[in-house]
């Protein structure tokens, strides 16, 4: 009976101050979701421990997997992804039969850290990868980059050409175009507000949207079972990785704008590959245009394939790697004559 006056007073207070009460309830809900997301992220890391090696480069603990022997082949994944994308596709093991394959978790993805004291542009990531390859004794290398990883691969080839024997850009975004989706996806990268979002609502919303995202990136094909079973979705939905993905969405158009005038300077073999029916990136406006700007390149638009061409047309991507590895670089004399 002693509690009744207190309860009645609380009800009266809530009735008299509905907006304040709603604010308190919202804060409580956000706090609860943050705790849930923290526990889910910790569980994802326990369930999916690092299986590769680490190299410390300029304050970054860079995680990589290395398999096979022979000529170095570097694999750089796309936005929101990680090494397991290449593992589940079968490309990593397929390539390891003849190459020394090194697949990196780019900064903020998988088990690689992403210090917040710098902007992780494609150029900054290219410099990081170059230092890692030098330390690992893996240059010059054939470099394949998928999607946002293609931007990093292009920057690596332009900034450190001696480290890149041949280049295989896959499903890349190379020229600036209006991208409302990129702007919408950049929210968790906004200082302070983004931090609140990525620890509370963003992971929950990402789980709801996951099936639609998979349909878009794999379409017109269905999401293959090898990806469903082999890609650690919960690692991708951690607040830390969502921030990295949002930051790269925000940088998507500016990066293409800054880089697009320099592609003609490439001298190493360039073999471009993309799905002819990519629903995320317009293949004609991106990959085909890159082929025109890099005159000595070759271009393979894989019929029926979408954005995740390495998953749904793995053999075609492997053939592009082999083509690049055996092609000859454009001579300075030929370049000067063009």
Protein backbone atom coordinates (compact mmCIF):
# COMPACT_ATOMS: atom_id res chain seq x y z
CA UNK A 1 0.00 0.00 0.00
CA UNK A 2 2.93 2.33 0.68
CA UNK A 3 3.91 2.17 -3.01
CA UNK A 4 0.55 3.34 -4.31
CA UNK A 5 1.08 7.09 -3.83
CA UNK A 6 4.45 6.86 -5.58
CA UNK A 7 2.95 4.96 -8.50
CA UNK A 8 0.08 7.41 -8.73
CA UNK A 9 2.51 10.32 -8.66
CA UNK A 10 4.56 8.74 -11.45
CA UNK A 11 1.45 8.25 -13.58
CA UNK A 12 0.42 11.86 -12.98
CA UNK A 13 3.88 13.08 -13.93
CA UNK A 14 3.85 11.07 -17.15
CA UNK A 15 0.36 12.40 -17.97
CA UNK A 16 1.42 15.98 -17.31
CA UNK A 17 4.67 15.73 -19.32
CA UNK A 18 3.99 13.38 -22.27
CA UNK A 19 6.89 14.61 -24.44
CA UNK A 20 9.41 14.23 -21.64
CA UNK A 21 8.04 10.78 -20.90
CA UNK A 22 8.32 9.81 -24.57
CA UNK A 23 11.91 11.05 -24.62
CA UNK A 24 12.80 9.01 -21.57
CA UNK A 25 11.21 5.92 -23.12
CA UNK A 26 13.10 6.49 -26.39
CA UNK A 27 16.42 6.85 -24.58
CA UNK A 28 15.71 3.68 -22.63
CA UNK A 29 14.88 1.82 -25.85
CA UNK A 30 18.08 3.04 -27.52
CA UNK A 31 20.13 2.03 -24.50
CA UNK A 32 18.56 -1.42 -24.54
CA UNK A 33 19.23 -1.83 -28.27
CA UNK A 34 22.85 -0.72 -27.77
CA UNK A 35 23.33 -3.43 -25.15
CA UNK A 36 21.79 -6.04 -27.44
CA UNK A 37 23.95 -4.96 -30.39
CA UNK A 38 27.07 -4.99 -28.22
CA UNK A 39 26.36 -8.55 -27.13
CA UNK A 40 25.60 -9.65 -30.69
CA UNK A 41 28.86 -8.13 -31.95
CA UNK A 42 30.85 -9.83 -29.21
CA UNK A 43 29.19 -13.16 -29.99
CA UNK A 44 29.91 -12.73 -33.72
CA UNK A 45 33.60 -12.21 -32.98
CA UNK A 46 33.70 -15.25 -30.69
CA UNK A 47 31.96 -17.39 -33.29
CA UNK A 48 34.19 -16.14 -36.13
CA UNK A 49 37.74 -15.71 -34.81
CA UNK A 50 40.56 -14.57 -37.07
CA UNK A 51 41.96 -17.50 -39.06
CA UNK A 52 44.74 -15.67 -40.86
CA UNK A 53 47.76 -13.60 -39.89
CA UNK A 54 48.31 -10.01 -38.79
CA UNK A 55 50.80 -7.37 -39.84
CA UNK A 56 51.14 -4.02 -38.05
CA UNK A 57 51.32 -1.13 -40.51
CA UNK A 58 51.21 2.52 -39.41
CA UNK A 59 48.98 1.86 -36.41
CA UNK A 60 46.70 -0.56 -38.25
CA UNK A 61 46.45 -4.21 -37.27
CA UNK A 62 45.90 -5.61 -40.75
CA UNK A 63 44.41 -9.10 -41.03
CA UNK A 64 45.16 -11.26 -44.06
CA UNK A 65 44.86 -14.84 -45.24
CA UNK A 66 47.61 -16.35 -47.36
CA UNK A 67 47.38 -19.57 -49.36
CA UNK A 68 49.26 -21.25 -52.18
CA UNK A 69 52.62 -20.45 -53.69
CA UNK A 70 54.00 -18.84 -56.81
CA UNK A 71 53.35 -15.40 -58.24
CA UNK A 72 51.63 -13.07 -55.74
CA UNK A 73 47.92 -12.42 -56.24
CA UNK A 74 46.17 -9.88 -54.01
CA UNK A 75 42.40 -9.90 -53.40
CA UNK A 76 40.65 -6.76 -52.12
CA UNK A 77 36.98 -7.07 -51.12
CA UNK A 78 34.16 -4.59 -51.56
CA UNK A 79 32.19 -2.31 -49.24
CA UNK A 80 30.60 -4.14 -46.32
CA UNK A 81 32.46 -7.34 -47.04
CA UNK A 82 35.56 -9.20 -45.82
CA UNK A 83 37.91 -12.07 -46.64
CA UNK A 84 35.15 -14.67 -46.27
CA UNK A 85 33.53 -13.31 -49.42
CA UNK A 86 36.47 -14.60 -51.47
CA UNK A 87 36.68 -17.79 -49.41
CA UNK A 88 33.02 -18.67 -49.80
CA UNK A 89 33.07 -17.90 -53.54
CA UNK A 90 35.75 -20.53 -54.07
CA UNK A 91 37.97 -18.00 -55.84
CA UNK A 92 40.60 -17.98 -53.12
CA UNK A 93 41.16 -21.75 -53.19
CA UNK A 94 40.88 -21.87 -56.98
CA UNK A 95 43.58 -19.24 -57.36
CA UNK A 96 45.79 -20.80 -54.68
CA UNK A 97 46.34 -23.77 -56.99
CA UNK A 98 48.75 -21.64 -59.01
CA UNK A 99 49.31 -18.33 -57.17
CA UNK A 100 50.47 -17.11 -53.78
CA UNK A 101 47.13 -15.60 -52.82
CA UNK A 102 46.93 -12.87 -50.19
CA UNK A 103 43.43 -11.68 -49.25
CA UNK A 104 43.14 -8.70 -46.92
CA UNK A 105 40.43 -7.51 -44.58
CA UNK A 106 40.47 -3.82 -45.50
CA UNK A 107 40.44 -1.25 -42.63
CA UNK A 108 37.35 -1.62 -40.45
CA UNK A 109 36.26 -4.94 -41.95
CA UNK A 110 36.60 -8.47 -40.65
CA UNK A 111 39.44 -8.41 -38.12
CA UNK A 112 41.34 -5.35 -39.35
CA UNK A 113 41.29 -2.20 -37.25
CA UNK A 114 40.31 1.22 -38.62
CA UNK A 115 41.87 4.08 -36.63
CA UNK A 116 39.67 7.16 -36.56
CA UNK A 117 42.54 9.64 -36.82
CA UNK A 118 42.52 9.62 -40.63
CA UNK A 119 40.18 9.48 -43.60
CA UNK A 120 40.37 6.01 -45.13
CA UNK A 121 40.19 7.04 -48.75
CA UNK A 122 41.09 4.65 -51.54
CA UNK A 123 44.50 6.34 -51.69
CA UNK A 124 45.12 5.90 -47.96
CA UNK A 125 44.15 2.24 -48.17
CA UNK A 126 46.34 1.76 -51.25
CA UNK A 127 49.34 3.14 -49.35
CA UNK A 128 48.57 0.79 -46.46
CA UNK A 129 48.29 -2.27 -48.72
CA UNK A 130 51.49 -1.29 -50.53
CA UNK A 131 53.42 -1.17 -47.25
CA UNK A 132 51.97 -4.53 -46.23
CA UNK A 133 52.91 -6.14 -49.54
CA UNK A 134 56.42 -4.75 -49.29
CA UNK A 135 56.80 -6.15 -45.79
CA UNK A 136 55.45 -9.54 -46.92
CA UNK A 137 57.76 -9.61 -49.92
CA UNK A 138 54.79 -9.90 -52.28
CA UNK A 139 55.55 -7.36 -55.00
CA UNK A 140 54.97 -6.98 -57.84
CA UNK A 141 51.58 -8.65 -57.60
CA UNK A 142 48.53 -9.25 -59.72
CA UNK A 143 45.84 -7.26 -57.91
CA UNK A 144 42.11 -7.94 -58.08
CA UNK A 145 39.71 -5.53 -56.41
CA UNK A 146 35.96 -6.04 -56.27
CA UNK A 147 33.53 -3.09 -56.09
CA UNK A 148 34.98 -0.57 -53.58
CA UNK A 149 38.05 -2.79 -53.50
CA UNK A 150 38.45 -2.01 -57.20
CA UNK A 151 38.85 1.66 -56.26
CA UNK A 152 41.63 0.70 -53.85
CA UNK A 153 43.24 -1.51 -56.51
CA UNK A 154 43.15 1.34 -59.03
CA UNK A 155 44.71 3.72 -56.50
CA UNK A 156 47.40 1.16 -55.71
CA UNK A 157 48.26 0.80 -59.40
CA UNK A 158 48.37 4.57 -59.95
CA UNK A 159 50.30 5.46 -56.79
CA UNK A 160 52.62 2.45 -56.60
CA UNK A 161 52.93 1.06 -60.14
CA UNK A 162 56.09 -0.87 -59.31
CA UNK A 163 54.08 -2.97 -56.84
CA UNK A 164 51.39 -3.96 -59.36
CA UNK A 165 52.29 -6.36 -62.15
CA UNK A 166 48.72 -6.53 -63.48
CA UNK A 167 45.32 -5.17 -62.49
CA UNK A 168 41.91 -6.86 -62.45
CA UNK A 169 39.16 -4.38 -61.52
CA UNK A 170 35.87 -6.25 -60.95
CA UNK A 171 32.41 -4.64 -60.74
CA UNK A 172 33.96 -1.29 -59.93
CA UNK A 173 32.63 2.26 -59.69
CA UNK A 174 35.10 4.49 -61.54
CA UNK A 175 33.23 7.63 -62.67
CA UNK A 176 31.05 9.99 -60.61
CA UNK A 177 27.28 9.77 -61.07
CA UNK A 178 24.37 10.81 -58.83
CA UNK A 179 24.02 8.16 -56.10
CA UNK A 180 21.17 8.79 -53.68
CA UNK A 181 21.68 5.32 -52.23
CA UNK A 182 25.26 6.18 -51.25
CA UNK A 183 24.10 9.32 -49.45
CA UNK A 184 21.38 7.40 -47.62
CA UNK A 185 23.83 4.71 -46.52
CA UNK A 186 26.36 7.17 -45.12
CA UNK A 187 24.39 8.04 -41.95
CA UNK A 188 26.37 5.90 -39.47
CA UNK A 189 29.56 7.74 -40.50
CA UNK A 190 28.28 11.14 -39.32
CA UNK A 191 30.16 12.19 -36.15
CA UNK A 192 28.23 11.74 -32.89
CA UNK A 193 24.83 11.13 -34.49
CA UNK A 194 26.31 8.35 -36.60
CA UNK A 195 27.87 6.78 -33.53
CA UNK A 196 24.47 6.69 -31.86
CA UNK A 197 22.88 5.19 -34.97
CA UNK A 198 25.46 2.48 -35.52
CA UNK A 199 25.21 1.22 -31.95
CA UNK A 200 21.42 1.31 -31.78
CA UNK A 201 19.16 1.43 -34.84
CA UNK A 202 21.54 0.74 -37.74
CA UNK A 203 22.30 -2.92 -36.91
CA UNK A 204 18.61 -3.67 -36.44
CA UNK A 205 17.61 -1.88 -39.64
CA UNK A 206 20.42 -3.63 -41.53
CA UNK A 207 19.06 -7.02 -40.49
CA UNK A 208 15.63 -6.06 -41.80
CA UNK A 209 17.07 -4.82 -45.11
CA UNK A 210 19.56 -7.68 -45.56
CA UNK A 211 17.34 -9.84 -47.85
CA UNK A 212 16.62 -6.89 -50.16
CA UNK A 213 20.31 -5.97 -50.31
CA UNK A 214 21.21 -9.56 -51.21
CA UNK A 215 18.63 -9.60 -54.00
CA UNK A 216 20.10 -6.42 -55.44
CA UNK A 217 23.77 -7.36 -55.33
CA UNK A 218 23.29 -10.95 -56.52
CA UNK A 219 20.48 -10.33 -58.98
CA UNK A 220 19.45 -11.53 -61.46
CA UNK A 221 20.84 -14.71 -59.86
CA UNK A 222 19.74 -15.92 -56.45
CA UNK A 223 22.03 -15.65 -53.47
CA UNK A 224 24.11 -18.86 -53.68
CA UNK A 225 24.15 -21.29 -50.78
CA UNK A 226 27.94 -21.10 -50.63
CA UNK A 227 27.64 -17.42 -49.70
CA UNK A 228 24.73 -17.90 -47.31
CA UNK A 229 26.59 -20.65 -45.46
CA UNK A 230 30.10 -19.23 -45.70
CA UNK A 231 29.77 -15.50 -45.17
CA UNK A 232 29.56 -14.37 -41.49
CA UNK A 233 26.59 -12.01 -41.70
CA UNK A 234 26.77 -11.10 -38.02
CA UNK A 235 30.36 -9.86 -38.38
CA UNK A 236 29.19 -7.58 -41.18
CA UNK A 237 26.44 -6.15 -38.95
CA UNK A 238 28.70 -5.09 -36.08
CA UNK A 239 28.60 -1.36 -35.30
CA UNK A 240 32.30 -1.01 -36.12
CA UNK A 241 31.91 -2.53 -39.58
CA UNK A 242 28.74 -0.56 -40.29
CA UNK A 243 30.70 2.63 -39.66
CA UNK A 244 33.41 1.58 -42.13
CA UNK A 245 30.77 0.74 -44.72
CA UNK A 246 28.96 4.04 -44.20
CA UNK A 247 32.19 6.01 -44.51
CA UNK A 248 32.98 4.32 -47.81
CA UNK A 249 29.46 5.02 -49.07
CA UNK A 250 30.04 8.70 -48.30
CA UNK A 251 33.37 8.63 -50.15
CA UNK A 252 32.07 6.70 -53.16
CA UNK A 253 31.30 9.60 -55.50
CA UNK A 254 34.15 11.92 -54.39
CA UNK A 255 36.68 9.10 -54.83
CA UNK A 256 35.51 8.44 -58.38
CA UNK A 257 35.58 12.16 -59.15
CA UNK A 258 39.16 12.52 -57.93
CA UNK A 259 40.50 9.40 -59.65
CA UNK A 260 38.72 9.37 -63.00
CA UNK A 261 41.11 11.68 -64.85
CA UNK A 262 44.14 9.53 -64.11
CA UNK A 263 43.22 6.12 -65.49
CA UNK A 264 45.00 6.72 -68.78
CA UNK A 265 48.31 6.68 -66.94
CA UNK A 266 48.09 2.96 -66.22
CA UNK A 267 50.83 0.98 -67.96
CA UNK A 268 50.46 -2.53 -66.52
CA UNK A 269 48.04 -5.07 -68.05
CA UNK A 270 44.45 -4.28 -67.10
CA UNK A 271 41.69 -6.86 -67.43
CA UNK A 272 38.27 -5.47 -66.50
CA UNK A 273 35.47 -7.84 -65.51
CA UNK A 274 31.87 -7.13 -64.52
CA UNK A 275 28.44 -8.68 -64.60
CA UNK A 276 26.53 -7.59 -67.67
CA UNK A 277 23.35 -7.34 -65.57
CA UNK A 278 24.77 -5.59 -62.51
CA UNK A 279 21.87 -3.94 -60.61
CA UNK A 280 24.09 -1.91 -58.28
CA UNK A 281 26.59 -0.33 -60.68
CA UNK A 282 25.88 0.44 -64.34
CA UNK A 283 28.36 -1.73 -66.23
CA UNK A 284 28.10 0.28 -69.46
CA UNK A 285 28.72 3.61 -67.73
CA UNK A 286 31.49 2.30 -65.51
CA UNK A 287 33.43 -0.79 -66.66
CA UNK A 288 32.87 -0.27 -70.38
CA UNK A 289 33.88 3.37 -70.09
CA UNK A 290 37.01 2.41 -68.18
CA UNK A 291 37.88 0.04 -71.01
CA UNK A 292 37.62 2.95 -73.45
CA UNK A 293 39.83 5.19 -71.30
CA UNK A 294 42.48 2.52 -70.74
CA UNK A 295 43.18 1.70 -74.37
CA UNK A 296 45.34 -1.36 -73.80
CA UNK A 297 42.85 -2.99 -71.41
CA UNK A 298 40.55 -5.90 -72.13
CA UNK A 299 36.99 -6.09 -70.89
CA UNK A 300 34.74 -9.05 -70.08
CA UNK A 301 31.06 -8.39 -69.41
CA UNK A 302 29.84 -11.71 -68.03
CA UNK A 303 26.43 -12.54 -69.45
CA UNK A 304 23.69 -13.08 -66.88
CA UNK A 305 25.88 -12.10 -63.94
CA UNK A 306 25.20 -9.31 -61.46
CA UNK A 307 27.38 -7.31 -59.10
CA UNK A 308 28.77 -10.32 -57.22
CA UNK A 309 30.40 -11.69 -60.35
CA UNK A 310 33.13 -13.50 -58.40
CA UNK A 311 30.44 -15.46 -56.55
CA UNK A 312 28.17 -16.33 -59.48
CA UNK A 313 30.78 -16.55 -62.28
CA UNK A 314 33.89 -17.58 -60.37
CA UNK A 315 35.54 -19.33 -63.30
CA UNK A 316 35.17 -16.22 -65.48
CA UNK A 317 36.90 -14.10 -62.84
CA UNK A 318 39.63 -16.71 -62.50
CA UNK A 319 40.13 -16.59 -66.28
CA UNK A 320 40.48 -12.79 -66.07
CA UNK A 321 43.18 -13.18 -63.42
CA UNK A 322 45.08 -15.66 -65.59
CA UNK A 323 44.77 -13.37 -68.59
CA UNK A 324 46.16 -10.43 -66.63
CA UNK A 325 49.00 -12.46 -65.16
CA UNK A 326 50.24 -13.58 -68.59
CA UNK A 327 49.71 -10.29 -70.46
CA UNK A 328 52.58 -7.95 -71.23
CA UNK A 329 52.82 -4.42 -69.90
CA UNK A 330 52.45 -1.53 -72.32
CA UNK A 331 55.90 -0.24 -73.25
CA UNK A 332 56.81 3.43 -72.64
CA UNK A 333 57.43 3.80 -76.39
CA UNK A 334 53.93 2.57 -77.25
CA UNK A 335 52.40 4.77 -74.56
CA UNK A 336 54.24 7.82 -75.90
CA UNK A 337 53.05 7.10 -79.43
CA UNK A 338 49.39 6.96 -78.42
